[in-house]
Every structure is written in structure tokens, then in C-alpha cells.
Amino acid sequence: MALKEQLDDAMKAAMKARDNLRLSAVRMVRAAIKNREIDTREELDDQAVTDVISTLVKQRRESIRMYREGNRPELAEKEELELSVLLEFLPAQLSADEIDAIVSRVILDTGASGARDMGRVMKAVSPLTAGKADGKAVSDSVRRLLA
């Protein structure tokens, strides 16, 4: 089933269950997808929908961090609940060990030898981890393994 269909079904289920938080999160995703479709003037495929959801996940994580620093735990908790809903629509997230294994393989394949090769490695790793891992975690892994 396509991601957009899964979102539609999740929205209907949230409406029936009167789950306002889940309904709000799913509507937010659908609106972001619709906005991207309007911007690009074409219907998004599953990979593009995954990219939109990944962007929203990244925004939620940043908001959680900011709310915690600003001593606003109630807002951080709301963002965490939305984040958990968003993560349901992404592929299973890679563990740190899995990210390291992918990065190590790419470093060997590209022949990278130092920090100056980080851009080349990131360019090769990004498609392999898109939607499956946080970009910051991937970047940290690349930086650590190239050092």
C-alpha cells in the first residue's frame, strides 16, 4: 500500500477513534505533502513522501531539543508524541552499528582517507540511509570513522 494511502487510512482511523493528537499529526503530514505537490506541480511518489516525513521528523526533533532547553516539558512531550506518530510512516530506523557498517563500506568503496573526503562519503551514504537514519547521526558517524 502506498504511503499516501496509509496516511489516508490512518486519518480515518484517528477520526473514528477520536484521537485528536494522532489526527492532528496525520493531517499535518498530508498538508506538507500537498504543499510539496503544489510546489513541484506533480504527484509525489513514496520516496518523495518519505523525504517530506523525514523533514517533519527532523523539525520535531529540533523542536523537542529547543523546548527542553527552554524548560517547556509539556510542549516537548506533545512534540514527542507527534514524532512517534511520524516515525510509524518511515521505514525502520537504522541502529548506530548499522549506520557505522554502511559508512565503513562506503569509505572502503570510495577510498576516502581523511576529513577532507567527508563530502564525497556523505554524498554516497545519503541515498543509502535516506528516511532510515537521522542525517546528524550519519554525519557524526562519517566524521568519527574518517578521523
N, C-alpha and C. Protein backbone atom coordinates (compact mmCIF):
# COMPACT_ATOMS: atom_id res chain seq x y z
N MET A 1 0.85 -1.18 0.00
CA MET A 1 0.00 0.00 0.00
C MET A 1 0.90 1.24 0.00
N ALA A 2 0.55 2.21 -0.82
CA ALA A 2 1.33 3.44 -0.92
C ALA A 2 1.24 4.24 0.39
N LEU A 3 2.27 5.01 0.63
CA LEU A 3 2.32 5.80 1.87
C LEU A 3 1.15 6.77 1.98
N LYS A 4 0.79 7.38 0.86
CA LYS A 4 -0.33 8.33 0.90
C LYS A 4 -1.63 7.62 1.29
N GLU A 5 -1.81 6.39 0.80
CA GLU A 5 -2.99 5.61 1.17
C GLU A 5 -2.95 5.25 2.65
N GLN A 6 -1.76 4.90 3.15
CA GLN A 6 -1.62 4.60 4.58
C GLN A 6 -1.97 5.81 5.42
N LEU A 7 -1.57 6.98 4.97
CA LEU A 7 -1.89 8.22 5.70
C LEU A 7 -3.40 8.47 5.70
N ASP A 8 -4.04 8.24 4.56
CA ASP A 8 -5.50 8.40 4.49
C ASP A 8 -6.20 7.46 5.46
N ASP A 9 -5.76 6.19 5.46
CA ASP A 9 -6.36 5.21 6.37
C ASP A 9 -6.11 5.57 7.83
N ALA A 10 -4.91 6.06 8.12
CA ALA A 10 -4.59 6.45 9.49
C ALA A 10 -5.44 7.64 9.93
N MET A 11 -5.70 8.56 9.00
CA MET A 11 -6.53 9.72 9.32
C MET A 11 -7.96 9.27 9.63
N LYS A 12 -8.49 8.37 8.81
CA LYS A 12 -9.85 7.88 9.04
C LYS A 12 -9.95 7.14 10.38
N ALA A 13 -8.94 6.33 10.68
CA ALA A 13 -8.94 5.58 11.94
C ALA A 13 -8.85 6.53 13.13
N ALA A 14 -8.04 7.57 13.02
CA ALA A 14 -7.91 8.55 14.10
C ALA A 14 -9.22 9.31 14.31
N MET A 15 -9.91 9.60 13.22
CA MET A 15 -11.20 10.29 13.34
C MET A 15 -12.21 9.40 14.06
N LYS A 16 -12.25 8.13 13.67
CA LYS A 16 -13.20 7.20 14.29
C LYS A 16 -12.88 7.00 15.77
N ALA A 17 -11.58 6.96 16.10
CA ALA A 17 -11.17 6.72 17.48
C ALA A 17 -11.17 8.02 18.31
N ARG A 18 -11.43 9.14 17.66
CA ARG A 18 -11.40 10.46 18.29
C ARG A 18 -10.05 10.73 18.96
N ASP A 19 -8.99 10.32 18.26
CA ASP A 19 -7.63 10.54 18.73
C ASP A 19 -7.12 11.85 18.11
N ASN A 20 -7.33 12.93 18.83
CA ASN A 20 -7.04 14.26 18.27
C ASN A 20 -5.56 14.48 17.98
N LEU A 21 -4.68 13.99 18.84
CA LEU A 21 -3.26 14.19 18.61
C LEU A 21 -2.80 13.48 17.34
N ARG A 22 -3.20 12.23 17.20
CA ARG A 22 -2.83 11.45 16.01
C ARG A 22 -3.44 12.07 14.75
N LEU A 23 -4.70 12.48 14.86
CA LEU A 23 -5.37 13.11 13.73
C LEU A 23 -4.64 14.38 13.31
N SER A 24 -4.25 15.17 14.28
CA SER A 24 -3.53 16.41 14.00
C SER A 24 -2.20 16.13 13.30
N ALA A 25 -1.47 15.13 13.79
CA ALA A 25 -0.17 14.79 13.21
C ALA A 25 -0.32 14.29 11.77
N VAL A 26 -1.30 13.44 11.53
CA VAL A 26 -1.50 12.90 10.19
C VAL A 26 -1.96 14.00 9.24
N ARG A 27 -2.82 14.87 9.70
CA ARG A 27 -3.25 15.99 8.86
C ARG A 27 -2.07 16.90 8.52
N MET A 28 -1.18 17.11 9.48
CA MET A 28 0.00 17.94 9.25
C MET A 28 0.85 17.32 8.14
N VAL A 29 1.04 16.01 8.17
CA VAL A 29 1.83 15.33 7.14
C VAL A 29 1.15 15.45 5.79
N ARG A 30 -0.14 15.22 5.76
CA ARG A 30 -0.87 15.29 4.48
C ARG A 30 -0.79 16.71 3.91
N ALA A 31 -0.87 17.73 4.77
CA ALA A 31 -0.78 19.11 4.30
C ALA A 31 0.62 19.40 3.74
N ALA A 32 1.65 18.90 4.41
CA ALA A 32 3.01 19.11 3.93
C ALA A 32 3.22 18.43 2.57
N ILE A 33 2.65 17.24 2.42
CA ILE A 33 2.75 16.53 1.14
C ILE A 33 2.03 17.31 0.05
N LYS A 34 0.84 17.78 0.36
CA LYS A 34 0.05 18.55 -0.61
C LYS A 34 0.80 19.82 -1.02
N ASN A 35 1.41 20.49 -0.05
CA ASN A 35 2.19 21.70 -0.36
C ASN A 35 3.36 21.39 -1.27
N ARG A 36 4.04 20.27 -1.02
CA ARG A 36 5.17 19.88 -1.87
C ARG A 36 4.68 19.56 -3.28
N GLU A 37 3.51 18.90 -3.37
CA GLU A 37 2.95 18.59 -4.70
C GLU A 37 2.59 19.87 -5.45
N ILE A 38 2.08 20.85 -4.75
CA ILE A 38 1.75 22.12 -5.38
C ILE A 38 3.02 22.82 -5.85
N ASP A 39 4.06 22.79 -5.01
CA ASP A 39 5.33 23.42 -5.38
C ASP A 39 5.96 22.77 -6.60
N THR A 40 5.95 21.43 -6.64
CA THR A 40 6.59 20.72 -7.73
C THR A 40 5.67 20.50 -8.93
N ARG A 41 4.38 20.72 -8.73
CA ARG A 41 3.37 20.55 -9.77
C ARG A 41 3.31 19.12 -10.31
N GLU A 42 3.55 18.17 -9.44
CA GLU A 42 3.42 16.75 -9.80
C GLU A 42 3.12 15.95 -8.54
N GLU A 43 2.52 14.79 -8.75
CA GLU A 43 2.18 13.94 -7.62
C GLU A 43 3.43 13.26 -7.09
N LEU A 44 3.55 13.19 -5.76
CA LEU A 44 4.74 12.62 -5.15
C LEU A 44 4.66 11.10 -5.09
N ASP A 45 5.81 10.46 -5.32
CA ASP A 45 5.88 9.01 -5.15
C ASP A 45 6.26 8.71 -3.69
N ASP A 46 6.36 7.44 -3.37
CA ASP A 46 6.63 7.05 -1.98
C ASP A 46 7.96 7.61 -1.46
N GLN A 47 8.98 7.65 -2.31
CA GLN A 47 10.28 8.17 -1.88
C GLN A 47 10.18 9.66 -1.53
N ALA A 48 9.46 10.43 -2.34
CA ALA A 48 9.29 11.85 -2.06
C ALA A 48 8.46 12.07 -0.80
N VAL A 49 7.44 11.23 -0.59
CA VAL A 49 6.63 11.31 0.63
C VAL A 49 7.50 11.00 1.84
N THR A 50 8.37 10.01 1.71
CA THR A 50 9.30 9.67 2.79
C THR A 50 10.22 10.85 3.10
N ASP A 51 10.66 11.55 2.06
CA ASP A 51 11.51 12.73 2.26
C ASP A 51 10.76 13.82 3.04
N VAL A 52 9.49 14.02 2.70
CA VAL A 52 8.68 15.03 3.41
C VAL A 52 8.54 14.63 4.88
N ILE A 53 8.24 13.37 5.13
CA ILE A 53 8.06 12.91 6.51
C ILE A 53 9.39 13.02 7.27
N SER A 54 10.50 12.71 6.60
CA SER A 54 11.82 12.83 7.24
C SER A 54 12.11 14.26 7.65
N THR A 55 11.73 15.20 6.81
CA THR A 55 11.90 16.61 7.13
C THR A 55 11.08 16.99 8.35
N LEU A 56 9.85 16.51 8.40
CA LEU A 56 8.99 16.80 9.56
C LEU A 56 9.56 16.17 10.83
N VAL A 57 10.13 14.97 10.72
CA VAL A 57 10.74 14.30 11.87
C VAL A 57 11.92 15.14 12.38
N LYS A 58 12.73 15.63 11.45
CA LYS A 58 13.87 16.45 11.82
C LYS A 58 13.41 17.73 12.54
N GLN A 59 12.35 18.34 12.04
CA GLN A 59 11.80 19.54 12.68
C GLN A 59 11.30 19.23 14.09
N ARG A 60 10.64 18.08 14.26
CA ARG A 60 10.14 17.70 15.58
C ARG A 60 11.29 17.49 16.57
N ARG A 61 12.34 16.82 16.11
CA ARG A 61 13.49 16.58 16.99
C ARG A 61 14.13 17.90 17.42
N GLU A 62 14.24 18.83 16.50
CA GLU A 62 14.81 20.14 16.83
C GLU A 62 13.90 20.88 17.81
N SER A 63 12.59 20.82 17.59
CA SER A 63 11.64 21.47 18.49
C SER A 63 11.72 20.88 19.89
N ILE A 64 11.84 19.56 19.98
CA ILE A 64 11.95 18.90 21.28
C ILE A 64 13.18 19.41 22.02
N ARG A 65 14.30 19.48 21.28
CA ARG A 65 15.53 19.97 21.90
C ARG A 65 15.37 21.40 22.40
N MET A 66 14.76 22.25 21.59
CA MET A 66 14.57 23.67 21.96
C MET A 66 13.61 23.80 23.15
N TYR A 67 12.55 23.04 23.16
CA TYR A 67 11.60 23.11 24.28
C TYR A 67 12.25 22.63 25.58
N ARG A 68 13.08 21.62 25.48
CA ARG A 68 13.77 21.13 26.69
C ARG A 68 14.74 22.19 27.21
N GLU A 69 15.47 22.83 26.30
CA GLU A 69 16.39 23.88 26.71
C GLU A 69 15.64 25.08 27.29
N GLY A 70 14.43 25.34 26.78
CA GLY A 70 13.62 26.46 27.24
C GLY A 70 12.76 26.11 28.45
N ASN A 71 12.98 24.92 29.03
CA ASN A 71 12.24 24.47 30.21
C ASN A 71 10.73 24.45 29.95
N ARG A 72 10.34 23.87 28.81
CA ARG A 72 8.92 23.72 28.45
C ARG A 72 8.62 22.24 28.22
N PRO A 73 8.64 21.42 29.28
CA PRO A 73 8.48 19.96 29.10
C PRO A 73 7.13 19.56 28.53
N GLU A 74 6.07 20.34 28.80
CA GLU A 74 4.75 19.97 28.27
C GLU A 74 4.71 20.08 26.74
N LEU A 75 5.38 21.11 26.21
CA LEU A 75 5.43 21.25 24.75
C LEU A 75 6.35 20.19 24.14
N ALA A 76 7.44 19.88 24.83
CA ALA A 76 8.35 18.85 24.34
C ALA A 76 7.64 17.50 24.30
N GLU A 77 6.82 17.23 25.30
CA GLU A 77 6.08 15.96 25.34
C GLU A 77 5.11 15.85 24.18
N LYS A 78 4.42 16.94 23.85
CA LYS A 78 3.49 16.95 22.71
C LYS A 78 4.25 16.67 21.40
N GLU A 79 5.41 17.31 21.26
CA GLU A 79 6.22 17.09 20.06
C GLU A 79 6.70 15.63 19.99
N GLU A 80 7.04 15.05 21.13
CA GLU A 80 7.48 13.65 21.15
C GLU A 80 6.36 12.71 20.72
N LEU A 81 5.15 13.02 21.13
CA LEU A 81 4.01 12.19 20.72
C LEU A 81 3.78 12.30 19.21
N GLU A 82 3.90 13.52 18.67
CA GLU A 82 3.77 13.70 17.22
C GLU A 82 4.90 12.96 16.50
N LEU A 83 6.10 13.04 17.07
CA LEU A 83 7.25 12.36 16.48
C LEU A 83 7.00 10.85 16.39
N SER A 84 6.43 10.28 17.44
CA SER A 84 6.17 8.84 17.43
C SER A 84 5.16 8.47 16.34
N VAL A 85 4.18 9.34 16.09
CA VAL A 85 3.22 9.10 15.01
C VAL A 85 3.93 9.17 13.66
N LEU A 86 4.80 10.17 13.48
CA LEU A 86 5.50 10.32 12.20
C LEU A 86 6.42 9.14 11.92
N LEU A 87 7.08 8.64 12.96
CA LEU A 87 8.02 7.53 12.76
C LEU A 87 7.33 6.25 12.30
N GLU A 88 6.04 6.14 12.56
CA GLU A 88 5.29 4.96 12.12
C GLU A 88 5.24 4.85 10.60
N PHE A 89 5.37 5.99 9.91
CA PHE A 89 5.24 6.01 8.46
C PHE A 89 6.59 5.96 7.74
N LEU A 90 7.67 5.92 8.51
CA LEU A 90 9.00 5.81 7.92
C LEU A 90 9.47 4.37 8.01
N PRO A 91 10.41 3.99 7.14
CA PRO A 91 10.98 2.65 7.27
C PRO A 91 11.66 2.51 8.63
N ALA A 92 11.90 1.28 9.05
CA ALA A 92 12.56 1.04 10.34
C ALA A 92 13.88 1.81 10.38
N GLN A 93 14.13 2.47 11.49
CA GLN A 93 15.33 3.29 11.64
C GLN A 93 16.55 2.40 11.88
N LEU A 94 17.67 2.81 11.31
CA LEU A 94 18.91 2.07 11.45
C LEU A 94 19.52 2.33 12.81
N SER A 95 20.16 1.31 13.37
CA SER A 95 20.86 1.49 14.64
C SER A 95 22.22 2.14 14.36
N ALA A 96 22.89 2.58 15.41
CA ALA A 96 24.21 3.21 15.26
C ALA A 96 25.20 2.23 14.64
N ASP A 97 25.12 0.96 15.01
CA ASP A 97 26.03 -0.05 14.45
C ASP A 97 25.78 -0.25 12.96
N GLU A 98 24.50 -0.25 12.56
CA GLU A 98 24.16 -0.42 11.14
C GLU A 98 24.64 0.79 10.34
N ILE A 99 24.50 1.98 10.91
CA ILE A 99 24.97 3.20 10.23
C ILE A 99 26.48 3.12 10.05
N ASP A 100 27.19 2.72 11.13
CA ASP A 100 28.64 2.60 11.06
C ASP A 100 29.07 1.59 9.99
N ALA A 101 28.33 0.48 9.88
CA ALA A 101 28.67 -0.54 8.88
C ALA A 101 28.51 0.02 7.46
N ILE A 102 27.43 0.75 7.22
CA ILE A 102 27.21 1.35 5.90
C ILE A 102 28.29 2.36 5.60
N VAL A 103 28.59 3.22 6.56
CA VAL A 103 29.62 4.25 6.37
C VAL A 103 30.98 3.61 6.12
N SER A 104 31.32 2.57 6.88
CA SER A 104 32.61 1.90 6.69
C SER A 104 32.72 1.31 5.29
N ARG A 105 31.64 0.69 4.83
CA ARG A 105 31.64 0.10 3.48
C ARG A 105 31.83 1.19 2.42
N VAL A 106 31.15 2.31 2.58
CA VAL A 106 31.27 3.40 1.60
C VAL A 106 32.67 4.00 1.65
N ILE A 107 33.25 4.12 2.84
CA ILE A 107 34.60 4.65 2.94
C ILE A 107 35.58 3.75 2.18
N LEU A 108 35.43 2.44 2.33
CA LEU A 108 36.29 1.49 1.60
C LEU A 108 36.06 1.59 0.10
N ASP A 109 34.78 1.68 -0.31
CA ASP A 109 34.44 1.74 -1.74
C ASP A 109 34.97 3.01 -2.40
N THR A 110 34.89 4.13 -1.69
CA THR A 110 35.31 5.41 -2.27
C THR A 110 36.79 5.68 -2.07
N GLY A 111 37.44 4.93 -1.19
CA GLY A 111 38.86 5.15 -0.94
C GLY A 111 39.12 6.41 -0.13
N ALA A 112 38.14 6.86 0.62
CA ALA A 112 38.29 8.07 1.44
C ALA A 112 39.32 7.82 2.53
N SER A 113 40.08 8.88 2.84
CA SER A 113 41.16 8.68 3.80
C SER A 113 41.20 9.71 4.92
N GLY A 114 40.44 10.76 4.81
CA GLY A 114 40.51 11.78 5.85
C GLY A 114 39.30 12.68 5.85
N ALA A 115 39.33 13.68 6.72
CA ALA A 115 38.20 14.58 6.89
C ALA A 115 37.88 15.35 5.59
N ARG A 116 38.88 15.54 4.76
CA ARG A 116 38.63 16.28 3.52
C ARG A 116 37.75 15.52 2.56
N ASP A 117 37.59 14.22 2.77
CA ASP A 117 36.75 13.38 1.91
C ASP A 117 35.33 13.24 2.44
N MET A 118 34.99 13.99 3.48
CA MET A 118 33.68 13.83 4.12
C MET A 118 32.53 14.09 3.14
N GLY A 119 32.65 15.11 2.32
CA GLY A 119 31.60 15.42 1.35
C GLY A 119 31.34 14.29 0.38
N ARG A 120 32.43 13.68 -0.10
CA ARG A 120 32.30 12.58 -1.05
C ARG A 120 31.62 11.38 -0.39
N VAL A 121 32.00 11.10 0.87
CA VAL A 121 31.41 9.97 1.59
C VAL A 121 29.93 10.24 1.89
N MET A 122 29.62 11.44 2.35
CA MET A 122 28.24 11.79 2.67
C MET A 122 27.35 11.69 1.42
N LYS A 123 27.89 12.10 0.28
CA LYS A 123 27.14 12.03 -0.97
C LYS A 123 26.78 10.58 -1.32
N ALA A 124 27.69 9.66 -1.02
CA ALA A 124 27.44 8.25 -1.32
C ALA A 124 26.57 7.59 -0.26
N VAL A 125 26.68 8.03 1.00
CA VAL A 125 25.94 7.41 2.10
C VAL A 125 24.49 7.88 2.14
N SER A 126 24.25 9.12 1.83
CA SER A 126 22.91 9.71 1.96
C SER A 126 21.81 8.91 1.28
N PRO A 127 21.96 8.49 0.03
CA PRO A 127 20.88 7.70 -0.58
C PRO A 127 20.64 6.37 0.12
N LEU A 128 21.67 5.81 0.73
CA LEU A 128 21.54 4.51 1.40
C LEU A 128 20.82 4.62 2.75
N THR A 129 20.85 5.81 3.34
CA THR A 129 20.25 5.98 4.67
C THR A 129 19.03 6.90 4.66
N ALA A 130 18.63 7.39 3.49
CA ALA A 130 17.52 8.34 3.40
C ALA A 130 16.26 7.74 4.02
N GLY A 131 15.70 8.46 4.97
CA GLY A 131 14.47 8.03 5.62
C GLY A 131 14.66 6.95 6.67
N LYS A 132 15.87 6.37 6.72
CA LYS A 132 16.13 5.28 7.66
C LYS A 132 17.01 5.71 8.82
N ALA A 133 17.62 6.89 8.71
CA ALA A 133 18.51 7.35 9.78
C ALA A 133 18.52 8.87 9.79
N ASP A 134 18.73 9.41 10.97
CA ASP A 134 18.84 10.86 11.14
C ASP A 134 20.13 11.34 10.47
N GLY A 135 20.04 12.39 9.69
CA GLY A 135 21.20 12.91 8.98
C GLY A 135 22.35 13.29 9.90
N LYS A 136 22.02 13.81 11.07
CA LYS A 136 23.05 14.20 12.03
C LYS A 136 23.80 12.97 12.54
N ALA A 137 23.08 11.89 12.79
CA ALA A 137 23.73 10.65 13.24
C ALA A 137 24.65 10.11 12.16
N VAL A 138 24.22 10.19 10.91
CA VAL A 138 25.05 9.72 9.79
C VAL A 138 26.29 10.59 9.67
N SER A 139 26.10 11.90 9.75
CA SER A 139 27.22 12.84 9.65
C SER A 139 28.22 12.61 10.77
N ASP A 140 27.74 12.40 11.99
CA ASP A 140 28.63 12.14 13.13
C ASP A 140 29.42 10.85 12.91
N SER A 141 28.75 9.84 12.38
CA SER A 141 29.41 8.56 12.12
C SER A 141 30.50 8.72 11.06
N VAL A 142 30.20 9.44 9.99
CA VAL A 142 31.19 9.67 8.93
C VAL A 142 32.38 10.41 9.50
N ARG A 143 32.13 11.47 10.26
CA ARG A 143 33.20 12.28 10.83
C ARG A 143 34.08 11.41 11.76
N ARG A 144 33.44 10.61 12.59
CA ARG A 144 34.18 9.77 13.54
C ARG A 144 35.02 8.71 12.83
N LEU A 145 34.45 8.07 11.81
CA LEU A 145 35.17 6.99 11.12
C LEU A 145 36.26 7.51 10.19
N LEU A 146 36.15 8.75 9.74
CA LEU A 146 37.19 9.32 8.89
C LEU A 146 38.35 9.89 9.71
N ALA A 147 38.11 10.11 10.99
CA ALA A 147 39.16 10.72 11.85
C ALA A 147 40.27 9.74 12.15
